[in-house]
Amino acid sequence: MASEFCLSLTKYFLFVFNLVFFFLGSALLSLGLWIMFSETSVLIPAPRFISLSLFSYLLIISGVVTISLGFFGSLGALKEVKCMLAIYFILLTVLLVAQTMGGVLLITQKSIFEKSLESPRSTAY
């Protein structure tokens, strides 16, 4: 009886956390779309090391990935669909590998990255 309660509680916690990630991904996606389609200046200043259009594309891509992770995780946990949970696991694994590769590249190529941040970028869009 207690083990069934723990499994049910774990299932609903997984659903709630993935639902939060789904909404955060929706916020990232909407912010990226708002920056892309806004005709006037935006509330956030443009990062000095990246163009604003590229920044909006990165927000849109990260929003879509986060939304899909939240969708597959929450629906797979709630309905206990093994295929959705497998896709959720694969997406999490790909995300972990990408973050690890990005961290290793940042550490190994730190001097090149610092030089690119220090050099002035062109303001022509």
Protein backbone atom coordinates (compact mmCIF):
# COMPACT_ATOMS: atom_id res chain seq x y z
CA MET A 1 0.00 0.00 0.00
CA ALA A 2 2.76 2.42 0.88
CA SER A 3 4.73 1.60 -2.26
CA GLU A 4 1.68 2.34 -4.44
CA PHE A 5 1.30 5.69 -2.68
CA CYS A 6 4.97 6.53 -3.30
CA LEU A 7 4.68 5.61 -6.99
CA SER A 8 1.55 7.70 -7.36
CA LEU A 9 3.15 10.63 -5.56
CA THR A 10 6.26 10.36 -7.75
CA LYS A 11 4.09 10.30 -10.87
CA TYR A 12 2.26 13.48 -9.90
CA PHE A 13 5.46 15.27 -8.85
CA LEU A 14 6.96 14.45 -12.24
CA PHE A 15 3.80 15.77 -13.89
CA VAL A 16 3.85 19.04 -11.93
CA PHE A 17 7.55 19.73 -12.52
CA ASN A 18 7.24 19.06 -16.24
CA LEU A 19 4.14 21.26 -16.38
CA VAL A 20 6.23 24.08 -14.87
CA PHE A 21 8.91 23.48 -17.53
CA PHE A 22 6.20 23.54 -20.20
CA PHE A 23 5.06 26.99 -19.04
CA LEU A 24 8.64 28.27 -18.77
CA GLY A 25 9.28 27.07 -22.31
CA SER A 26 6.15 28.89 -23.44
CA ALA A 27 7.51 32.06 -21.84
CA LEU A 28 10.86 31.63 -23.64
CA LEU A 29 9.12 31.01 -26.95
CA SER A 30 6.83 34.01 -26.58
CA LEU A 31 9.74 36.27 -25.56
CA GLY A 32 11.74 35.14 -28.59
CA LEU A 33 8.80 35.71 -30.93
CA TRP A 34 8.12 39.10 -29.35
CA ILE A 35 11.73 40.20 -29.85
CA MET A 36 11.71 38.92 -33.43
CA PHE A 37 8.47 40.62 -34.49
CA SER A 38 8.62 43.81 -32.44
CA GLU A 39 8.80 46.94 -34.55
CA THR A 40 10.09 49.18 -31.77
CA SER A 41 12.79 48.71 -29.19
CA VAL A 42 12.35 45.92 -26.71
CA LEU A 43 12.43 46.16 -22.94
CA ILE A 44 15.62 44.18 -22.62
CA PRO A 45 18.85 45.60 -24.00
CA ALA A 46 20.60 43.72 -26.77
CA PRO A 47 23.51 41.57 -25.58
CA ARG A 48 26.78 43.13 -26.72
CA PHE A 49 28.28 39.85 -27.92
CA ILE A 50 25.39 38.61 -30.07
CA SER A 51 22.94 40.23 -32.47
CA LEU A 52 19.36 40.67 -31.35
CA SER A 53 17.94 38.56 -34.18
CA LEU A 54 20.25 35.65 -33.32
CA PHE A 55 19.31 36.07 -29.65
CA SER A 56 15.61 35.82 -30.56
CA TYR A 57 16.27 32.66 -32.60
CA LEU A 58 18.13 31.09 -29.66
CA LEU A 59 15.21 31.94 -27.35
CA ILE A 60 12.73 30.41 -29.80
CA ILE A 61 14.77 27.21 -30.19
CA SER A 62 15.28 26.81 -26.44
CA GLY A 63 11.59 27.51 -25.87
CA VAL A 64 10.51 24.84 -28.34
CA VAL A 65 12.90 22.28 -26.83
CA THR A 66 11.70 23.09 -23.30
CA ILE A 67 8.04 22.92 -24.35
CA SER A 68 8.55 19.53 -26.00
CA LEU A 69 10.42 18.24 -22.96
CA GLY A 70 7.64 19.41 -20.67
CA PHE A 71 4.96 17.96 -22.93
CA PHE A 72 6.49 14.51 -23.28
CA GLY A 73 7.46 14.38 -19.61
CA SER A 74 4.15 15.46 -18.13
CA LEU A 75 1.87 13.53 -20.47
CA GLY A 76 4.09 10.46 -20.34
CA ALA A 77 4.12 10.53 -16.55
CA LEU A 78 0.40 11.17 -16.16
CA LYS A 79 -0.79 8.60 -18.70
CA GLU A 80 2.16 6.24 -18.11
CA VAL A 81 2.84 5.96 -21.85
CA LYS A 82 6.18 4.21 -22.31
CA CYS A 83 6.82 5.69 -25.76
CA MET A 84 6.45 9.25 -24.48
CA LEU A 85 8.65 8.52 -21.48
CA ALA A 86 11.27 7.05 -23.84
CA ILE A 87 11.19 10.19 -25.99
CA TYR A 88 11.45 12.26 -22.80
CA PHE A 89 14.48 10.26 -21.69
CA ILE A 90 16.13 10.59 -25.12
CA LEU A 91 15.55 14.36 -25.19
CA LEU A 92 16.99 14.70 -21.68
CA THR A 93 20.02 12.66 -22.69
CA VAL A 94 20.59 14.78 -25.81
CA LEU A 95 20.25 17.94 -23.72
CA LEU A 96 22.74 16.65 -21.16
CA VAL A 97 25.26 15.73 -23.89
CA ALA A 98 24.85 19.14 -25.55
CA GLN A 99 25.37 20.97 -22.26
CA THR A 100 28.42 18.85 -21.47
CA MET A 101 29.91 19.50 -24.91
CA GLY A 102 29.22 23.23 -24.56
CA GLY A 103 30.91 23.31 -21.17
CA VAL A 104 33.95 21.42 -22.42
CA LEU A 105 34.23 23.71 -25.46
CA LEU A 106 33.91 26.77 -23.26
CA ILE A 107 36.65 25.55 -20.93
CA THR A 108 39.04 24.41 -23.67
CA GLN A 109 38.45 27.41 -25.97
CA LYS A 110 38.24 30.04 -23.22
CA SER A 111 40.88 32.37 -24.68
CA ILE A 112 39.23 32.39 -28.12
CA PHE A 113 35.84 33.04 -26.53
CA GLU A 114 37.22 35.92 -24.43
CA LYS A 115 38.86 37.47 -27.51
CA SER A 116 35.61 37.30 -29.42
CA LEU A 117 33.77 39.03 -26.57
CA GLU A 118 36.39 41.79 -26.34
CA SER A 119 36.49 42.56 -30.08
CA PRO A 120 33.92 45.12 -31.16
CA ARG A 121 31.18 43.69 -33.27
CA SER A 122 29.67 45.47 -36.21
CA THR A 123 26.42 47.25 -35.53
CA ALA A 124 25.11 46.88 -39.07
CA TYR A 125 22.15 44.51 -39.19
